[in-house]
């Protein structure tokens, strides 16, 4: 493999935390003085963000609301009716079969017990059928499939940078979303009915005010007027995209042109491509693989990566919408990132401490030849112990790659340290160790994202479990002078002229 965690420089002993990387040197600071501005002014206008417990208002569940009322005496039929309405058929049978609840109705108790036994036998029988998978609730799916490894105990659920300006959307554990902007005291708070279990967010490219949110309801499109002084937009500013069985949307992605939106649900093996402006959707369904857990559009808009909850993942060619199916030996794809030139995909698999590299062609055929139809192990993430006694590595939680293709950041499921790799394109992809990043005591990295329009290098944005958002700028003064050489390296991949050769909406016959 090209690189491993054993090649990294170790973190300093004690509680010092990394603040930034300037001219190739990591700058550290003590926990009581986390001021990055003394090292660089590149993020001096960025908003200060802290989602503390004081500002959170968790949604009250039905069980919580029931505790407000005093218990009352109810007839058995009333109890059964209420249980059916609130918790379903099985819960009603459990009450009917309980001698303490059924008020002496022996026949009803016998029938309920026999019915429950029959349902258990049927459930075991269905579990033996190949390809059958029990549908889980959103409370189970969201933490299991989220790229936030501390989803249930973190104040922050998701981050989303606007692609064209300094504007950051932060989803909190109380199902609210706050919009932070450069040099602005106004912080719009987005919350509506059904916006529960937020798993993903994405700003619409080439648009200043549309944010797509994947949640329990489906996809919620928020329209936020950047010139408005209203800090609590109403539900009238939302547009809900939903389809039967397409609930608990776990991942979504806008096309680079901003005209199409793809959404995937772990409880539905159909992936939907939405023309949001036309309020139309085309379903993309293939047999096998289970629900859709992760989607990612290539920068040139010609390919779409879609992972399932099973061994299968697909790379779709978006001109004719034909997929190339891949099957893993074990686990499932947990995260994937495209190279800036759209010729490579890096992805991580559950149960394996490895990042794989998949080579994709730039022409209409996704894979150019059979000998390239193999994913190559690229980075070894086997856990290692640092000099400070901390362990880093293991199963991957999320991957992010900056827009220029210079830095790759990795978070892990059972580790509080972020690994940052340096990447470069000469003839092949070259990966080398950069640095480790840790937070304050008792903090775990929840979500990470690179700011897309950062011109002075790369700005890794980290949402910690405490609710603190940290900017970790990677700054080189000679970077701007090297922009032309970077563009020349990208042109070496012979990319097609997307602006003239391809229009996603026009080629998508389903919307005509």
Protein backbone atom coordinates (compact mmCIF):
# COMPACT_ATOMS: atom_id res chain seq x y z
CA UNK A 1 0.00 0.00 0.00
CA UNK A 2 1.11 3.56 -0.63
CA UNK A 3 0.83 4.85 2.93
CA UNK A 4 -0.02 3.83 6.49
CA UNK A 5 -0.68 5.50 9.84
CA UNK A 6 2.68 4.28 11.14
CA UNK A 7 4.37 6.85 8.87
CA UNK A 8 2.74 9.84 10.60
CA UNK A 9 4.51 12.21 12.98
CA UNK A 10 3.19 11.65 16.47
CA UNK A 11 1.12 14.14 18.43
CA UNK A 12 2.85 16.00 21.26
CA UNK A 13 2.36 14.70 24.78
CA UNK A 14 -0.10 16.45 27.03
CA UNK A 15 -3.30 18.21 26.01
CA UNK A 16 -1.98 20.50 23.28
CA UNK A 17 -4.27 20.56 20.25
CA UNK A 18 -3.40 21.26 16.59
CA UNK A 19 -4.68 24.63 15.38
CA UNK A 20 -3.51 24.93 11.76
CA UNK A 21 -0.82 23.97 9.29
CA UNK A 22 1.18 26.92 7.97
CA UNK A 23 4.09 26.49 5.54
CA UNK A 24 4.17 22.76 6.26
CA UNK A 25 4.38 23.12 10.04
CA UNK A 26 1.58 22.21 12.45
CA UNK A 27 0.92 24.90 15.05
CA UNK A 28 -0.24 23.73 18.48
CA UNK A 29 -1.95 25.54 21.32
CA UNK A 30 -3.16 24.87 24.84
CA UNK A 31 -6.87 24.09 25.38
CA UNK A 32 -7.46 27.40 27.18
CA UNK A 33 -6.18 29.48 24.26
CA UNK A 34 -7.60 28.09 21.03
CA UNK A 35 -7.09 31.19 18.88
CA UNK A 36 -6.05 30.27 15.35
CA UNK A 37 -5.87 33.93 14.31
CA UNK A 38 -2.43 34.42 15.87
CA UNK A 39 -1.02 31.99 13.29
CA UNK A 40 -3.03 32.93 10.19
CA UNK A 41 -5.71 35.44 9.18
CA UNK A 42 -7.16 33.20 6.48
CA UNK A 43 -10.25 32.40 8.59
CA UNK A 44 -10.50 35.69 10.49
CA UNK A 45 -13.89 36.54 8.93
CA UNK A 46 -15.36 33.08 9.50
CA UNK A 47 -18.18 32.84 12.07
CA UNK A 48 -17.53 31.54 15.57
CA UNK A 49 -19.79 28.51 16.13
CA UNK A 50 -20.64 26.68 19.34
CA UNK A 51 -23.80 24.56 19.58
CA UNK A 52 -23.93 24.17 23.36
CA UNK A 53 -26.51 22.25 25.36
CA UNK A 54 -28.07 25.55 26.41
CA UNK A 55 -29.32 26.36 22.90
CA UNK A 56 -30.69 22.89 22.15
CA UNK A 57 -34.35 22.03 22.59
CA UNK A 58 -34.76 18.30 21.95
CA UNK A 59 -38.00 17.27 20.32
CA UNK A 60 -40.39 15.71 22.79
CA UNK A 61 -41.38 12.14 21.96
CA UNK A 62 -44.82 10.65 22.50
CA UNK A 63 -43.54 8.85 25.61
CA UNK A 64 -42.23 12.12 27.04
CA UNK A 65 -45.51 13.91 26.38
CA UNK A 66 -47.45 11.12 28.08
CA UNK A 67 -45.54 11.71 31.31
CA UNK A 68 -47.08 15.17 31.56
CA UNK A 69 -50.56 13.73 32.17
CA UNK A 70 -51.74 11.89 35.26
CA UNK A 71 -52.57 8.20 34.72
CA UNK A 72 -56.29 7.49 34.32
CA UNK A 73 -58.33 4.31 34.52
CA UNK A 74 -59.23 3.01 31.05
CA UNK A 75 -61.27 0.11 29.80
CA UNK A 76 -59.46 -2.72 28.05
CA UNK A 77 -60.93 -1.80 24.67
CA UNK A 78 -59.78 1.79 25.11
CA UNK A 79 -56.25 0.59 25.94
CA UNK A 80 -56.20 -1.67 22.90
CA UNK A 81 -57.44 1.09 20.64
CA UNK A 82 -54.86 3.57 21.95
CA UNK A 83 -52.02 1.04 21.65
CA UNK A 84 -53.01 0.18 18.06
CA UNK A 85 -53.06 3.85 17.13
CA UNK A 86 -49.77 4.84 18.80
CA UNK A 87 -47.56 1.72 18.54
CA UNK A 88 -49.17 -0.69 16.11
CA UNK A 89 -50.72 -4.15 15.92
CA UNK A 90 -47.99 -6.05 17.79
CA UNK A 91 -48.12 -3.69 20.76
CA UNK A 92 -51.88 -4.19 20.95
CA UNK A 93 -51.40 -7.98 21.04
CA UNK A 94 -48.82 -7.65 23.81
CA UNK A 95 -51.32 -5.78 25.98
CA UNK A 96 -54.06 -8.31 25.23
CA UNK A 97 -51.77 -11.22 26.18
CA UNK A 98 -50.68 -9.64 29.47
CA UNK A 99 -52.79 -10.96 32.41
CA UNK A 100 -52.24 -7.70 34.30
CA UNK A 101 -53.68 -5.67 31.44
CA UNK A 102 -56.44 -7.80 29.87
CA UNK A 103 -58.76 -7.60 32.90
CA UNK A 104 -59.48 -11.34 32.98
CA UNK A 105 -60.43 -11.90 29.34
CA UNK A 106 -58.97 -15.42 29.13
CA UNK A 107 -60.10 -16.12 25.57
CA UNK A 108 -58.65 -12.83 24.35
CA UNK A 109 -55.39 -13.59 26.16
CA UNK A 110 -55.16 -17.04 24.52
CA UNK A 111 -55.85 -15.69 21.02
CA UNK A 112 -53.32 -12.87 21.47
CA UNK A 113 -50.58 -15.24 22.67
CA UNK A 114 -51.15 -17.65 19.78
CA UNK A 115 -51.09 -14.79 17.28
CA UNK A 116 -47.82 -13.44 18.72
CA UNK A 117 -46.28 -16.92 18.52
CA UNK A 118 -47.35 -17.24 14.88
CA UNK A 119 -45.83 -13.85 14.07
CA UNK A 120 -42.52 -14.86 15.67
CA UNK A 121 -42.41 -18.09 13.64
CA UNK A 122 -43.20 -16.17 10.45
CA UNK A 123 -40.47 -13.64 11.22
CA UNK A 124 -37.88 -16.42 11.67
CA UNK A 125 -39.04 -18.04 8.43
CA UNK A 126 -38.67 -14.82 6.44
CA UNK A 127 -35.21 -14.20 7.89
CA UNK A 128 -34.03 -17.45 6.27
CA UNK A 129 -35.05 -16.30 2.78
CA UNK A 130 -31.98 -15.16 0.76
CA UNK A 131 -32.06 -11.43 0.09
CA UNK A 132 -34.74 -10.73 2.71
CA UNK A 133 -33.89 -7.96 5.11
CA UNK A 134 -36.08 -6.62 7.86
CA UNK A 135 -36.87 -2.93 7.52
CA UNK A 136 -35.46 -0.97 10.40
CA UNK A 137 -36.82 2.22 11.89
CA UNK A 138 -35.19 5.58 11.32
CA UNK A 139 -33.91 5.62 14.91
CA UNK A 140 -31.86 2.52 14.06
CA UNK A 141 -30.85 3.44 10.50
CA UNK A 142 -29.68 7.00 11.14
CA UNK A 143 -26.91 6.23 13.67
CA UNK A 144 -25.90 3.04 11.86
CA UNK A 145 -25.45 4.58 8.40
CA UNK A 146 -24.53 8.15 9.26
CA UNK A 147 -20.98 9.32 8.58
CA UNK A 148 -21.18 10.86 12.04
CA UNK A 149 -19.68 8.14 14.25
CA UNK A 150 -21.06 9.77 17.42
CA UNK A 151 -24.49 10.56 15.98
CA UNK A 152 -26.42 9.74 19.16
CA UNK A 153 -24.23 11.67 21.61
CA UNK A 154 -23.08 14.64 19.56
CA UNK A 155 -24.61 18.11 19.58
CA UNK A 156 -23.79 18.39 15.86
CA UNK A 157 -25.27 16.02 13.28
CA UNK A 158 -24.18 17.47 9.89
CA UNK A 159 -22.18 20.25 8.25
CA UNK A 160 -22.58 21.71 4.76
CA UNK A 161 -20.48 24.48 3.23
CA UNK A 162 -21.95 26.63 0.49
CA UNK A 163 -19.88 26.05 -2.67
CA UNK A 164 -19.53 29.75 -3.59
CA UNK A 165 -19.44 31.83 -0.41
CA UNK A 166 -18.61 31.71 3.29
CA UNK A 167 -21.88 30.24 4.49
CA UNK A 168 -22.09 27.14 6.68
CA UNK A 169 -25.19 25.11 7.57
CA UNK A 170 -24.99 23.24 10.88
CA UNK A 171 -27.58 20.62 11.84
CA UNK A 172 -27.95 20.04 15.57
CA UNK A 173 -29.20 17.10 17.59
CA UNK A 174 -32.55 18.85 18.24
CA UNK A 175 -33.40 18.61 14.49
CA UNK A 176 -32.72 22.30 13.93
CA UNK A 177 -30.40 23.85 11.33
CA UNK A 178 -28.50 27.10 11.82
CA UNK A 179 -27.04 29.11 8.96
CA UNK A 180 -23.81 30.98 9.74
CA UNK A 181 -22.44 33.57 7.32
CA UNK A 182 -19.38 35.78 7.01
CA UNK A 183 -19.52 38.99 9.06
CA UNK A 184 -23.21 38.50 9.92
CA UNK A 185 -24.92 38.63 13.28
CA UNK A 186 -28.11 37.08 11.88
CA UNK A 187 -28.30 33.31 12.29
CA UNK A 188 -31.41 31.87 10.59
CA UNK A 189 -32.86 28.89 12.44
CA UNK A 190 -34.53 26.28 10.21
CA UNK A 191 -36.96 23.84 11.77
CA UNK A 192 -40.20 22.32 10.57
CA UNK A 193 -42.53 19.44 11.27
CA UNK A 194 -41.13 16.16 9.98
CA UNK A 195 -37.53 17.40 9.89
CA UNK A 196 -36.43 14.59 12.19
CA UNK A 197 -33.29 12.43 12.14
CA UNK A 198 -31.28 14.71 9.83
CA UNK A 199 -28.62 12.64 8.08
CA UNK A 200 -27.34 14.81 5.21
CA UNK A 201 -27.42 18.35 3.81
CA UNK A 202 -26.27 19.95 0.56
CA UNK A 203 -26.40 23.49 -0.83
CA UNK A 204 -27.58 23.83 -4.41
CA UNK A 205 -24.72 24.87 -6.72
CA UNK A 206 -25.07 28.15 -8.63
CA UNK A 207 -27.79 29.24 -6.20
CA UNK A 208 -27.47 31.37 -3.08
CA UNK A 209 -30.45 30.27 -1.09
CA UNK A 210 -31.48 26.60 -1.54
CA UNK A 211 -30.51 23.94 0.98
CA UNK A 212 -31.54 20.28 0.61
CA UNK A 213 -31.97 18.31 3.85
CA UNK A 214 -32.25 14.53 4.03
CA UNK A 215 -34.36 13.43 6.99
CA UNK A 216 -37.18 11.15 8.17
CA UNK A 217 -39.78 12.95 6.05
CA UNK A 218 -37.79 12.56 2.83
CA UNK A 219 -36.04 15.59 1.33
CA UNK A 220 -36.84 19.07 2.62
CA UNK A 221 -35.78 21.96 0.35
CA UNK A 222 -35.32 25.20 2.27
CA UNK A 223 -35.42 28.55 0.44
CA UNK A 224 -33.51 31.08 2.56
CA UNK A 225 -33.53 34.66 1.36
CA UNK A 226 -29.98 35.97 1.97
CA UNK A 227 -31.32 39.53 2.24
CA UNK A 228 -34.02 38.72 4.78
CA UNK A 229 -33.71 39.82 8.42
CA UNK A 230 -36.03 37.04 9.62
CA UNK A 231 -34.12 34.62 11.84
CA UNK A 232 -36.84 31.96 12.01
CA UNK A 233 -38.15 31.19 8.49
CA UNK A 234 -41.53 29.47 8.50
CA UNK A 235 -42.55 26.19 6.88
CA UNK A 236 -43.80 28.25 3.93
CA UNK A 237 -40.15 28.48 2.88
CA UNK A 238 -39.91 24.70 2.48
CA UNK A 239 -40.65 22.31 -0.34
CA UNK A 240 -40.91 18.62 0.56
CA UNK A 241 -39.86 15.91 -1.91
CA UNK A 242 -41.22 12.52 -0.93
CA UNK A 243 -42.32 9.22 -2.41
CA UNK A 244 -43.96 6.13 -0.87
CA UNK A 245 -41.38 4.03 1.03
CA UNK A 246 -38.71 6.67 0.33
CA UNK A 247 -38.43 7.71 3.97
CA UNK A 248 -35.37 8.23 6.17
CA UNK A 249 -33.23 9.69 3.39
CA UNK A 250 -29.66 8.85 4.38
CA UNK A 251 -27.76 10.61 1.60
CA UNK A 252 -28.32 13.21 -1.11
CA UNK A 253 -26.19 15.05 -3.67
CA UNK A 254 -26.69 17.88 -6.15
CA UNK A 255 -25.27 17.62 -9.63
CA UNK A 256 -22.40 20.09 -10.22
CA UNK A 257 -24.74 22.10 -12.49
CA UNK A 258 -27.37 22.30 -9.75
CA UNK A 259 -30.22 21.09 -11.96
CA UNK A 260 -30.58 17.56 -10.58
CA UNK A 261 -30.75 16.20 -7.04
CA UNK A 262 -30.17 12.54 -6.17
CA UNK A 263 -31.56 11.07 -2.95
CA UNK A 264 -31.07 7.63 -1.44
CA UNK A 265 -32.89 5.94 1.42
CA UNK A 266 -31.62 2.98 3.41
CA UNK A 267 -35.18 1.63 3.59
CA UNK A 268 -35.73 1.81 -0.20
CA UNK A 269 -33.68 0.17 -2.96
CA UNK A 270 -34.92 2.82 -5.41
CA UNK A 271 -32.76 5.91 -5.90
CA UNK A 272 -34.58 9.04 -7.08
CA UNK A 273 -33.22 11.72 -9.39
CA UNK A 274 -35.19 14.93 -8.85
CA UNK A 275 -35.62 17.86 -11.19
CA UNK A 276 -36.47 20.16 -8.30
CA UNK A 277 -37.51 23.10 -10.45
CA UNK A 278 -39.96 20.92 -12.39
CA UNK A 279 -41.12 19.05 -9.27
CA UNK A 280 -40.53 15.73 -11.05
CA UNK A 281 -38.54 12.62 -10.16
CA UNK A 282 -37.28 9.60 -12.04
CA UNK A 283 -36.74 6.38 -10.04
CA UNK A 284 -33.56 4.38 -10.63
CA UNK A 285 -34.04 0.85 -9.38
CA UNK A 286 -31.84 -2.21 -9.63
CA UNK A 287 -32.33 -5.65 -8.09
CA UNK A 288 -30.00 -6.57 -5.27
CA UNK A 289 -27.94 -4.68 -2.78
CA UNK A 290 -30.59 -3.37 -0.41
CA UNK A 291 -31.30 0.28 0.33
CA UNK A 292 -29.16 3.22 -0.79
CA UNK A 293 -26.82 4.38 1.97
CA UNK A 294 -24.54 6.86 0.17
CA UNK A 295 -24.50 8.85 -3.09
CA UNK A 296 -21.85 11.13 -4.57
CA UNK A 297 -21.74 12.95 -7.90
CA UNK A 298 -18.44 13.25 -9.80
CA UNK A 299 -17.14 16.82 -10.34
CA UNK A 300 -17.57 16.52 -14.13
CA UNK A 301 -21.21 15.37 -13.60
CA UNK A 302 -20.70 12.34 -15.89
CA UNK A 303 -20.71 9.70 -13.15
CA UNK A 304 -22.56 8.96 -9.93
CA UNK A 305 -21.34 6.72 -7.11
CA UNK A 306 -24.10 4.90 -5.20
CA UNK A 307 -23.46 2.56 -2.27
CA UNK A 308 -26.03 0.19 -0.81
CA UNK A 309 -26.55 -1.21 2.67
CA UNK A 310 -25.16 -4.53 1.47
CA UNK A 311 -22.12 -5.79 -0.46
CA UNK A 312 -23.08 -4.00 -3.67
CA UNK A 313 -22.14 -0.55 -4.94
CA UNK A 314 -22.64 0.95 -8.39
CA UNK A 315 -21.03 3.61 -10.55
CA UNK A 316 -23.69 5.15 -12.79
CA UNK A 317 -22.90 6.71 -16.16
CA UNK A 318 -25.24 9.72 -16.27
CA UNK A 319 -25.57 10.20 -20.04
CA UNK A 320 -27.61 7.02 -20.55
CA UNK A 321 -28.03 6.21 -16.82
CA UNK A 322 -26.49 2.76 -17.03
CA UNK A 323 -24.77 1.37 -13.91
CA UNK A 324 -21.62 -0.64 -13.48
CA UNK A 325 -22.18 -3.03 -10.58
CA UNK A 326 -19.48 -3.97 -8.10
CA UNK A 327 -19.64 -6.52 -5.27
CA UNK A 328 -17.48 -6.44 -2.15
CA UNK A 329 -16.08 -9.48 -0.38
CA UNK A 330 -17.39 -8.28 2.96
CA UNK A 331 -19.03 -5.28 4.59
CA UNK A 332 -20.43 -2.26 2.77
CA UNK A 333 -19.13 1.05 1.48
CA UNK A 334 -19.32 3.60 4.29
CA UNK A 335 -17.87 6.64 2.49
CA UNK A 336 -16.44 7.62 -0.88
CA UNK A 337 -14.86 10.69 -2.49
CA UNK A 338 -14.13 11.65 -6.10
CA UNK A 339 -10.85 13.10 -7.31
CA UNK A 340 -11.11 16.63 -8.78
CA UNK A 341 -10.57 15.23 -12.28
CA UNK A 342 -13.32 12.59 -11.80
CA UNK A 343 -10.93 9.82 -12.83
CA UNK A 344 -10.56 8.21 -9.40
CA UNK A 345 -12.82 7.20 -6.54
CA UNK A 346 -11.48 6.56 -3.06
CA UNK A 347 -13.78 4.56 -0.81
CA UNK A 348 -13.74 2.83 2.56
CA UNK A 349 -15.48 -0.39 3.53
CA UNK A 350 -16.94 -1.36 6.88
CA UNK A 351 -15.05 -4.04 8.83
CA UNK A 352 -11.78 -3.20 7.01
CA UNK A 353 -9.12 -0.61 7.99
CA UNK A 354 -8.30 0.15 4.35
CA UNK A 355 -9.00 2.91 1.81
CA UNK A 356 -9.38 1.59 -1.73
CA UNK A 357 -8.79 3.38 -5.02
CA UNK A 358 -10.94 2.74 -8.08
CA UNK A 359 -9.89 4.09 -11.47
CA UNK A 360 -12.63 5.45 -13.72
CA UNK A 361 -12.37 6.61 -17.32
CA UNK A 362 -13.39 10.06 -18.46
CA UNK A 363 -15.22 8.89 -21.56
CA UNK A 364 -18.78 7.68 -21.84
CA UNK A 365 -17.76 4.17 -20.76
CA UNK A 366 -16.98 4.28 -17.06
CA UNK A 367 -14.25 1.67 -17.11
CA UNK A 368 -11.90 1.62 -20.08
CA UNK A 369 -10.60 -1.93 -19.97
CA UNK A 370 -11.06 -5.13 -18.05
CA UNK A 371 -7.63 -4.99 -16.44
CA UNK A 372 -8.68 -1.77 -14.67
CA UNK A 373 -11.77 -3.37 -13.16
CA UNK A 374 -10.18 -3.78 -9.76
CA UNK A 375 -10.14 -1.66 -6.63
CA UNK A 376 -6.58 -1.22 -5.37
CA UNK A 377 -5.78 -0.97 -1.63
CA UNK A 378 -4.26 2.49 -1.26
CA UNK A 379 -3.97 3.41 2.42
CA UNK A 380 -3.46 1.07 5.37
CA UNK A 381 -5.45 2.28 8.38
CA UNK A 382 -4.52 -0.51 10.78
CA UNK A 383 -4.62 0.97 14.32
CA UNK A 384 -1.29 2.15 15.71
CA UNK A 385 -0.33 3.41 19.15
CA UNK A 386 1.21 6.87 19.33
CA UNK A 387 4.02 7.93 21.64
CA UNK A 388 1.40 9.72 23.73
CA UNK A 389 -0.36 6.40 24.37
CA UNK A 390 -3.35 7.18 22.15
CA UNK A 391 -4.51 4.74 19.48
CA UNK A 392 -5.54 5.91 16.04
CA UNK A 393 -6.96 4.00 13.09
CA UNK A 394 -9.43 1.21 12.47
CA UNK A 395 -12.77 1.23 10.69
CA UNK A 396 -13.46 4.42 8.74
CA UNK A 397 -16.40 6.68 9.53
CA UNK A 398 -16.03 9.33 6.80
CA UNK A 399 -13.72 10.58 4.06
CA UNK A 400 -13.42 14.14 2.71
CA UNK A 401 -11.11 15.37 -0.07
CA UNK A 402 -10.50 19.04 -0.72
CA UNK A 403 -11.58 20.49 -4.05
CA UNK A 404 -8.01 20.88 -5.32
CA UNK A 405 -7.15 17.27 -4.53
CA UNK A 406 -4.31 18.15 -2.15
CA UNK A 407 -5.58 16.87 1.21
CA UNK A 408 -7.61 13.86 2.32
CA UNK A 409 -9.07 13.76 5.84
CA UNK A 410 -10.31 10.60 7.56
CA UNK A 411 -12.36 10.02 10.71
CA UNK A 412 -12.70 6.67 12.45
CA UNK A 413 -15.54 4.93 14.25
CA UNK A 414 -13.77 4.20 17.52
CA UNK A 415 -11.10 6.86 17.59
CA UNK A 416 -11.06 10.53 18.64
CA UNK A 417 -8.23 11.51 16.26
CA UNK A 418 -8.50 12.70 12.63
CA UNK A 419 -5.86 11.66 10.11
CA UNK A 420 -4.96 14.07 7.30
CA UNK A 421 -3.06 12.84 4.23
CA UNK A 422 -1.37 14.85 1.48
CA UNK A 423 -2.28 13.82 -2.06
CA UNK A 424 -0.87 14.84 -5.42
CA UNK A 425 -1.36 13.97 -9.09
CA UNK A 426 1.73 13.60 -11.24
CA UNK A 427 1.35 10.48 -13.34
CA UNK A 428 -0.44 8.53 -10.63
CA UNK A 429 -2.05 9.41 -7.34
CA UNK A 430 0.56 9.87 -4.63
CA UNK A 431 -0.40 9.76 -0.94
CA UNK A 432 1.82 10.79 1.97
CA UNK A 433 1.21 11.46 5.68
CA UNK A 434 0.46 15.00 6.81
CA UNK A 435 -0.73 15.29 10.42
CA UNK A 436 -3.08 14.09 13.15
CA UNK A 437 -5.76 16.34 14.67
CA UNK A 438 -7.34 15.89 18.08
CA UNK A 439 -9.82 17.98 20.02
CA UNK A 440 -10.27 19.04 23.60
CA UNK A 441 -10.53 16.52 26.40
CA UNK A 442 -13.65 14.31 26.03
CA UNK A 443 -14.31 15.63 22.50
CA UNK A 444 -14.83 13.30 19.54
CA UNK A 445 -14.93 14.35 15.87
CA UNK A 446 -18.54 14.16 14.73
CA UNK A 447 -18.43 15.50 11.15
CA UNK A 448 -15.78 16.99 8.87
CA UNK A 449 -15.93 18.99 5.64
CA UNK A 450 -13.59 21.05 3.46
CA UNK A 451 -14.63 24.60 2.56
CA UNK A 452 -15.07 24.56 -1.21
CA UNK A 453 -14.22 28.20 -2.03
CA UNK A 454 -11.18 28.57 0.22
CA UNK A 455 -8.52 30.26 -1.92
CA UNK A 456 -5.52 30.22 0.43
CA UNK A 457 -5.13 26.45 0.60
CA UNK A 458 -7.55 24.08 2.31
CA UNK A 459 -9.83 24.72 5.28
CA UNK A 460 -10.82 21.54 7.10
CA UNK A 461 -13.91 22.26 9.17
CA UNK A 462 -14.52 19.97 12.14
CA UNK A 463 -17.74 19.62 14.10
CA UNK A 464 -16.84 18.18 17.49
CA UNK A 465 -19.24 16.21 19.68
CA UNK A 466 -19.34 19.07 22.22
CA UNK A 467 -20.92 21.35 19.60
CA UNK A 468 -17.72 23.28 18.90
CA UNK A 469 -16.87 23.95 15.25
CA UNK A 470 -13.16 24.26 14.53
CA UNK A 471 -11.50 25.62 11.40
CA UNK A 472 -8.19 23.94 10.62
CA UNK A 473 -6.65 25.99 7.78
CA UNK A 474 -3.81 24.53 5.74
CA UNK A 475 -2.06 27.55 4.25
CA UNK A 476 0.88 27.94 1.87
CA UNK A 477 1.90 31.38 0.65
CA UNK A 478 3.17 30.00 -2.66
CA UNK A 479 -0.12 28.23 -3.34
CA UNK A 480 -1.64 30.96 -5.48
CA UNK A 481 1.39 31.05 -7.75
CA UNK A 482 1.01 27.32 -8.31
CA UNK A 483 -2.62 27.48 -9.42
CA UNK A 484 -1.69 27.40 -13.09
CA UNK A 485 0.46 24.30 -12.68
CA UNK A 486 -2.37 22.60 -10.82
CA UNK A 487 -4.80 23.35 -13.64
CA UNK A 488 -2.29 21.95 -16.14
CA UNK A 489 -2.08 18.71 -14.14
CA UNK A 490 -5.86 18.40 -14.22
CA UNK A 491 -5.95 18.95 -17.99
CA UNK A 492 -3.50 16.08 -18.39
CA UNK A 493 -6.41 13.73 -17.74
CA UNK A 494 -8.02 14.89 -21.01
CA UNK A 495 -11.43 15.74 -19.59
CA UNK A 496 -14.30 16.41 -22.00
CA UNK A 497 -15.73 19.89 -22.39
CA UNK A 498 -18.69 19.46 -20.04
CA UNK A 499 -20.20 22.84 -20.83
CA UNK A 500 -20.70 21.99 -24.50
CA UNK A 501 -20.72 18.21 -24.63
CA UNK A 502 -23.23 17.42 -21.92
CA UNK A 503 -26.32 18.86 -20.36
CA UNK A 504 -27.79 16.61 -17.63
CA UNK A 505 -31.34 17.86 -17.90
CA UNK A 506 -31.44 17.72 -21.69
CA UNK A 507 -30.04 14.20 -21.81
CA UNK A 508 -32.36 12.91 -19.12
CA UNK A 509 -35.27 11.72 -21.27
CA UNK A 510 -37.34 10.98 -18.20
CA UNK A 511 -37.91 14.71 -17.65
CA UNK A 512 -38.80 15.60 -21.23
